[in-house]
Amino acid sequence: QQHGEAAVESVGNLKKVMKLSDKD
């Protein structure tokens, strides 16, 4: 459960990064 929650949190953060316009 902990690993699943950590993966979901990571993917949630990754989705935020994907929305950034600055490539750097």
PDB file of all heavy atoms in Angstrom:
ATOM      1  N   GLN A   1       0.832  -1.196   0.000  1.00  0.00           N
ATOM      2  CA  GLN A   1       0.000   0.000   0.000  1.00  0.00           C
ATOM      3  C   GLN A   1       0.872   1.254   0.000  1.00  0.00           C
ATOM      4  O   GLN A   1       0.615   2.218  -0.736  1.00  0.00           O
ATOM      5  CB  GLN A   1      -0.903  -0.009   1.239  1.00  0.00           C
ATOM      6  CG  GLN A   1      -1.985   1.053   1.241  1.00  0.00           C
ATOM      7  CD  GLN A   1      -3.215   0.654   0.447  1.00  0.00           C
ATOM      8  OE1 GLN A   1      -3.405  -0.513   0.160  1.00  0.00           O
ATOM      9  NE2 GLN A   1      -4.038   1.622   0.093  1.00  0.00           N
ATOM     10  N   GLN A   2       1.931   1.231   0.807  1.00  0.00           N
ATOM     11  CA  GLN A   2       2.837   2.384   0.883  1.00  0.00           C
ATOM     12  C   GLN A   2       3.534   2.618  -0.454  1.00  0.00           C
ATOM     13  O   GLN A   2       3.642   3.753  -0.927  1.00  0.00           O
ATOM     14  CB  GLN A   2       3.864   2.164   1.987  1.00  0.00           C
ATOM     15  CG  GLN A   2       3.289   2.189   3.397  1.00  0.00           C
ATOM     16  CD  GLN A   2       4.324   1.823   4.438  1.00  0.00           C
ATOM     17  OE1 GLN A   2       5.524   1.875   4.190  1.00  0.00           O
ATOM     18  NE2 GLN A   2       3.860   1.435   5.614  1.00  0.00           N
ATOM     19  N   HIS A   3       4.006   1.536  -1.067  1.00  0.00           N
ATOM     20  CA  HIS A   3       4.676   1.677  -2.358  1.00  0.00           C
ATOM     21  C   HIS A   3       3.703   2.199  -3.412  1.00  0.00           C
ATOM     22  O   HIS A   3       4.064   3.023  -4.254  1.00  0.00           O
ATOM     23  CB  HIS A   3       5.248   0.330  -2.798  1.00  0.00           C
ATOM     24  CG  HIS A   3       6.456  -0.085  -2.031  1.00  0.00           C
ATOM     25  ND1 HIS A   3       6.807  -1.397  -1.852  1.00  0.00           N
ATOM     26  CD2 HIS A   3       7.395   0.638  -1.368  1.00  0.00           C
ATOM     27  CE1 HIS A   3       7.910  -1.473  -1.138  1.00  0.00           C
ATOM     28  NE2 HIS A   3       8.272  -0.253  -0.816  1.00  0.00           N
ATOM     29  N   GLY A   4       2.459   1.717  -3.368  1.00  0.00           N
ATOM     30  CA  GLY A   4       1.452   2.189  -4.315  1.00  0.00           C
ATOM     31  C   GLY A   4       1.165   3.671  -4.140  1.00  0.00           C
ATOM     32  O   GLY A   4       1.069   4.424  -5.111  1.00  0.00           O
ATOM     33  N   GLU A   5       1.031   4.090  -2.884  1.00  0.00           N
ATOM     34  CA  GLU A   5       0.764   5.505  -2.607  1.00  0.00           C
ATOM     35  C   GLU A   5       1.941   6.377  -3.044  1.00  0.00           C
ATOM     36  O   GLU A   5       1.750   7.474  -3.577  1.00  0.00           O
ATOM     37  CB  GLU A   5       0.490   5.685  -1.113  1.00  0.00           C
ATOM     38  CG  GLU A   5      -0.832   5.068  -0.657  1.00  0.00           C
ATOM     39  CD  GLU A   5      -0.991   5.068   0.851  1.00  0.00           C
ATOM     40  OE1 GLU A   5      -0.039   5.495   1.536  1.00  0.00           O
ATOM     41  OE2 GLU A   5      -2.052   4.630   1.348  1.00  0.00           O
ATOM     42  N   ALA A   6       3.174   5.886  -2.816  1.00  0.00           N
ATOM     43  CA  ALA A   6       4.352   6.659  -3.227  1.00  0.00           C
ATOM     44  C   ALA A   6       4.405   6.788  -4.744  1.00  0.00           C
ATOM     45  O   ALA A   6       4.752   7.850  -5.276  1.00  0.00           O
ATOM     46  CB  ALA A   6       5.623   5.995  -2.702  1.00  0.00           C
ATOM     47  N   ALA A   7       4.051   5.701  -5.454  1.00  0.00           N
ATOM     48  CA  ALA A   7       4.054   5.745  -6.914  1.00  0.00           C
ATOM     49  C   ALA A   7       2.993   6.709  -7.434  1.00  0.00           C
ATOM     50  O   ALA A   7       3.227   7.473  -8.378  1.00  0.00           O
ATOM     51  CB  ALA A   7       3.822   4.336  -7.476  1.00  0.00           C
ATOM     52  N   VAL A   8       1.812   6.683  -6.818  1.00  0.00           N
ATOM     53  CA  VAL A   8       0.745   7.592  -7.232  1.00  0.00           C
ATOM     54  C   VAL A   8       1.161   9.045  -6.996  1.00  0.00           C
ATOM     55  O   VAL A   8       0.936   9.916  -7.846  1.00  0.00           O
ATOM     56  CB  VAL A   8      -0.557   7.275  -6.457  1.00  0.00           C
ATOM     57  CG1 VAL A   8      -1.558   8.409  -6.609  1.00  0.00           C
ATOM     58  CG2 VAL A   8      -1.165   5.985  -6.969  1.00  0.00           C
ATOM     59  N   GLU A   9       1.771   9.313  -5.851  1.00  0.00           N
ATOM     60  CA  GLU A   9       2.221  10.677  -5.555  1.00  0.00           C
ATOM     61  C   GLU A   9       3.269  11.121  -6.563  1.00  0.00           C
ATOM     62  O   GLU A   9       3.263  12.266  -7.033  1.00  0.00           O
ATOM     63  CB  GLU A   9       2.797  10.731  -4.139  1.00  0.00           C
ATOM     64  CG  GLU A   9       3.253  12.128  -3.737  1.00  0.00           C
ATOM     65  CD  GLU A   9       3.827  12.161  -2.328  1.00  0.00           C
ATOM     66  OE1 GLU A   9       3.857  11.105  -1.666  1.00  0.00           O
ATOM     67  OE2 GLU A   9       4.249  13.252  -1.887  1.00  0.00           O
ATOM     68  N   SER A  10       4.183  10.204  -6.919  1.00  0.00           N
ATOM     69  CA  SER A  10       5.221  10.530  -7.892  1.00  0.00           C
ATOM     70  C   SER A  10       4.628  10.847  -9.250  1.00  0.00           C
ATOM     71  O   SER A  10       5.026  11.806  -9.917  1.00  0.00           O
ATOM     72  CB  SER A  10       6.217   9.372  -8.005  1.00  0.00           C
ATOM     73  OG  SER A  10       7.197   9.630  -8.979  1.00  0.00           O
ATOM     74  N   VAL A  11       3.653  10.040  -9.677  1.00  0.00           N
ATOM     75  CA  VAL A  11       3.010  10.279 -10.968  1.00  0.00           C
ATOM     76  C   VAL A  11       2.220  11.587 -10.942  1.00  0.00           C
ATOM     77  O   VAL A  11       2.187  12.336 -11.922  1.00  0.00           O
ATOM     78  CB  VAL A  11       2.091   9.091 -11.341  1.00  0.00           C
ATOM     79  CG1 VAL A  11       1.226   9.439 -12.543  1.00  0.00           C
ATOM     80  CG2 VAL A  11       2.920   7.865 -11.634  1.00  0.00           C
ATOM     81  N   GLY A  12       1.589  11.887  -9.800  1.00  0.00           N
ATOM     82  CA  GLY A  12       0.879  13.159  -9.673  1.00  0.00           C
ATOM     83  C   GLY A  12       1.822  14.343  -9.834  1.00  0.00           C
ATOM     84  O   GLY A  12       1.501  15.326 -10.526  1.00  0.00           O
ATOM     85  N   ASN A  13       2.997  14.242  -9.210  1.00  0.00           N
ATOM     86  CA  ASN A  13       4.001  15.304  -9.363  1.00  0.00           C
ATOM     87  C   ASN A  13       4.515  15.367 -10.792  1.00  0.00           C
ATOM     88  O   ASN A  13       4.789  16.448 -11.324  1.00  0.00           O
ATOM     89  CB  ASN A  13       5.160  15.069  -8.402  1.00  0.00           C
ATOM     90  CG  ASN A  13       4.752  15.232  -6.950  1.00  0.00           C
ATOM     91  OD1 ASN A  13       3.802  15.945  -6.637  1.00  0.00           O
ATOM     92  ND2 ASN A  13       5.457  14.557  -6.052  1.00  0.00           N
ATOM     93  N   LEU A  14       4.646  14.176 -11.419  1.00  0.00           N
ATOM     94  CA  LEU A  14       5.126  14.138 -12.794  1.00  0.00           C
ATOM     95  C   LEU A  14       4.135  14.811 -13.738  1.00  0.00           C
ATOM     96  O   LEU A  14       4.527  15.512 -14.678  1.00  0.00           O
ATOM     97  CB  LEU A  14       5.359  12.683 -13.216  1.00  0.00           C
ATOM     98  CG  LEU A  14       5.871  12.458 -14.635  1.00  0.00           C
ATOM     99  CD1 LEU A  14       7.203  13.168 -14.843  1.00  0.00           C
ATOM    100  CD2 LEU A  14       6.020  10.967 -14.914  1.00  0.00           C
ATOM    101  N   LYS A  15       2.842  14.646 -13.497  1.00  0.00           N
ATOM    102  CA  LYS A  15       1.837  15.299 -14.331  1.00  0.00           C
ATOM    103  C   LYS A  15       1.934  16.826 -14.232  1.00  0.00           C
ATOM    104  O   LYS A  15       1.742  17.532 -15.212  1.00  0.00           O
ATOM    105  CB  LYS A  15       0.440  14.836 -13.913  1.00  0.00           C
ATOM    106  CG  LYS A  15       0.158  13.368 -14.247  1.00  0.00           C
ATOM    107  CD  LYS A  15      -1.171  12.904 -13.697  1.00  0.00           C
ATOM    108  CE  LYS A  15      -2.331  13.548 -14.399  1.00  0.00           C
ATOM    109  NZ  LYS A  15      -3.640  13.048 -13.919  1.00  0.00           N
ATOM    110  N   LYS A  16       2.276  17.306 -13.033  1.00  0.00           N
ATOM    111  CA  LYS A  16       2.469  18.743 -12.865  1.00  0.00           C
ATOM    112  C   LYS A  16       3.678  19.225 -13.652  1.00  0.00           C
ATOM    113  O   LYS A  16       3.671  20.290 -14.262  1.00  0.00           O
ATOM    114  CB  LYS A  16       2.639  19.071 -11.385  1.00  0.00           C
ATOM    115  CG  LYS A  16       1.410  18.797 -10.530  1.00  0.00           C
ATOM    116  CD  LYS A  16       1.679  19.087  -9.064  1.00  0.00           C
ATOM    117  CE  LYS A  16       0.458  18.755  -8.213  1.00  0.00           C
ATOM    118  NZ  LYS A  16       0.731  18.990  -6.757  1.00  0.00           N
ATOM    119  N   VAL A  17       4.754  18.402 -13.635  1.00  0.00           N
ATOM    120  CA  VAL A  17       5.963  18.767 -14.380  1.00  0.00           C
ATOM    121  C   VAL A  17       5.673  18.794 -15.878  1.00  0.00           C
ATOM    122  O   VAL A  17       6.167  19.660 -16.604  1.00  0.00           O
ATOM    123  CB  VAL A  17       7.102  17.759 -14.063  1.00  0.00           C
ATOM    124  CG1 VAL A  17       8.294  17.997 -14.979  1.00  0.00           C
ATOM    125  CG2 VAL A  17       7.527  17.885 -12.610  1.00  0.00           C
ATOM    126  N   MET A  18       4.852  17.863 -16.358  1.00  0.00           N
ATOM    127  CA  MET A  18       4.554  17.792 -17.790  1.00  0.00           C
ATOM    128  C   MET A  18       3.812  19.035 -18.274  1.00  0.00           C
ATOM    129  O   MET A  18       3.870  19.379 -19.461  1.00  0.00           O
ATOM    130  CB  MET A  18       3.721  16.540 -18.075  1.00  0.00           C
ATOM    131  CG  MET A  18       4.479  15.236 -17.862  1.00  0.00           C
ATOM    132  SD  MET A  18       3.439  13.770 -17.983  1.00  0.00           S
ATOM    133  CE  MET A  18       2.984  13.807 -19.708  1.00  0.00           C
ATOM    134  N   LYS A  19       3.112  19.704 -17.377  1.00  0.00           N
ATOM    135  CA  LYS A  19       2.356  20.901 -17.756  1.00  0.00           C
ATOM    136  C   LYS A  19       3.232  22.148 -17.840  1.00  0.00           C
ATOM    137  O   LYS A  19       2.795  23.184 -18.322  1.00  0.00           O
ATOM    138  CB  LYS A  19       1.227  21.134 -16.755  1.00  0.00           C
ATOM    139  CG  LYS A  19       0.155  20.044 -16.768  1.00  0.00           C
ATOM    140  CD  LYS A  19      -0.912  20.314 -15.732  1.00  0.00           C
ATOM    141  CE  LYS A  19      -1.969  19.214 -15.720  1.00  0.00           C
ATOM    142  NZ  LYS A  19      -3.009  19.455 -14.679  1.00  0.00           N
ATOM    143  N   LEU A  20       4.458  22.054 -17.327  1.00  0.00           N
ATOM    144  CA  LEU A  20       5.340  23.222 -17.357  1.00  0.00           C
ATOM    145  C   LEU A  20       5.754  23.536 -18.782  1.00  0.00           C
ATOM    146  O   LEU A  20       6.040  22.641 -19.587  1.00  0.00           O
ATOM    147  CB  LEU A  20       6.583  22.966 -16.495  1.00  0.00           C
ATOM    148  CG  LEU A  20       6.335  22.750 -14.983  1.00  0.00           C
ATOM    149  CD1 LEU A  20       7.631  22.391 -14.285  1.00  0.00           C
ATOM    150  CD2 LEU A  20       5.733  23.999 -14.355  1.00  0.00           C
ATOM    151  N   SER A  21       5.797  24.816 -19.092  1.00  0.00           N
ATOM    152  CA  SER A  21       6.207  25.227 -20.434  1.00  0.00           C
ATOM    153  C   SER A  21       7.720  25.320 -20.562  1.00  0.00           C
ATOM    154  O   SER A  21       8.281  25.165 -21.640  1.00  0.00           O
ATOM    155  CB  SER A  21       5.590  26.596 -20.777  1.00  0.00           C
ATOM    156  OG  SER A  21       5.976  27.570 -19.797  1.00  0.00           O
ATOM    157  N   ASP A  22       8.421  25.567 -19.422  1.00  0.00           N
ATOM    158  CA  ASP A  22       9.872  25.694 -19.439  1.00  0.00           C
ATOM    159  C   ASP A  22      10.496  24.303 -19.509  1.00  0.00           C
ATOM    160  O   ASP A  22      10.369  23.501 -18.588  1.00  0.00           O
ATOM    161  CB  ASP A  22      10.350  26.421 -18.171  1.00  0.00           C
ATOM    162  CG  ASP A  22      11.837  26.772 -18.238  1.00  0.00           C
ATOM    163  OD1 ASP A  22      12.508  26.288 -19.173  1.00  0.00           O
ATOM    164  OD2 ASP A  22      12.315  27.511 -17.364  1.00  0.00           O
ATOM    165  N   LYS A  23      11.192  24.017 -20.598  1.00  0.00           N
ATOM    166  CA  LYS A  23      11.769  22.692 -20.787  1.00  0.00           C
ATOM    167  C   LYS A  23      12.835  22.385 -19.742  1.00  0.00           C
ATOM    168  O   LYS A  23      13.001  21.239 -19.323  1.00  0.00           O
ATOM    169  CB  LYS A  23      12.369  22.576 -22.193  1.00  0.00           C
ATOM    170  CG  LYS A  23      12.864  21.171 -22.518  1.00  0.00           C
ATOM    171  CD  LYS A  23      13.364  21.078 -23.946  1.00  0.00           C
ATOM    172  CE  LYS A  23      13.834  19.657 -24.243  1.00  0.00           C
ATOM    173  NZ  LYS A  23      14.331  19.530 -25.636  1.00  0.00           N
ATOM    174  N   ASP A  24      13.583  23.422 -19.310  1.00  0.00           N
ATOM    175  CA  ASP A  24      14.647  23.205 -18.325  1.00  0.00           C
ATOM    176  C   ASP A  24      14.080  22.659 -17.013  1.00  0.00           C
ATOM    177  O   ASP A  24      14.753  21.937 -16.294  1.00  0.00           O
ATOM    178  CB  ASP A  24      15.411  24.501 -18.056  1.00  0.00           C
ATOM    179  CG  ASP A  24      16.224  24.942 -19.272  1.00  0.00           C
ATOM    180  OD1 ASP A  24      16.522  24.056 -20.111  1.00  0.00           O
ATOM    181  OD2 ASP A  24      16.551  26.131 -19.379  1.00  0.00           O
TER     182      ASP A  24
END
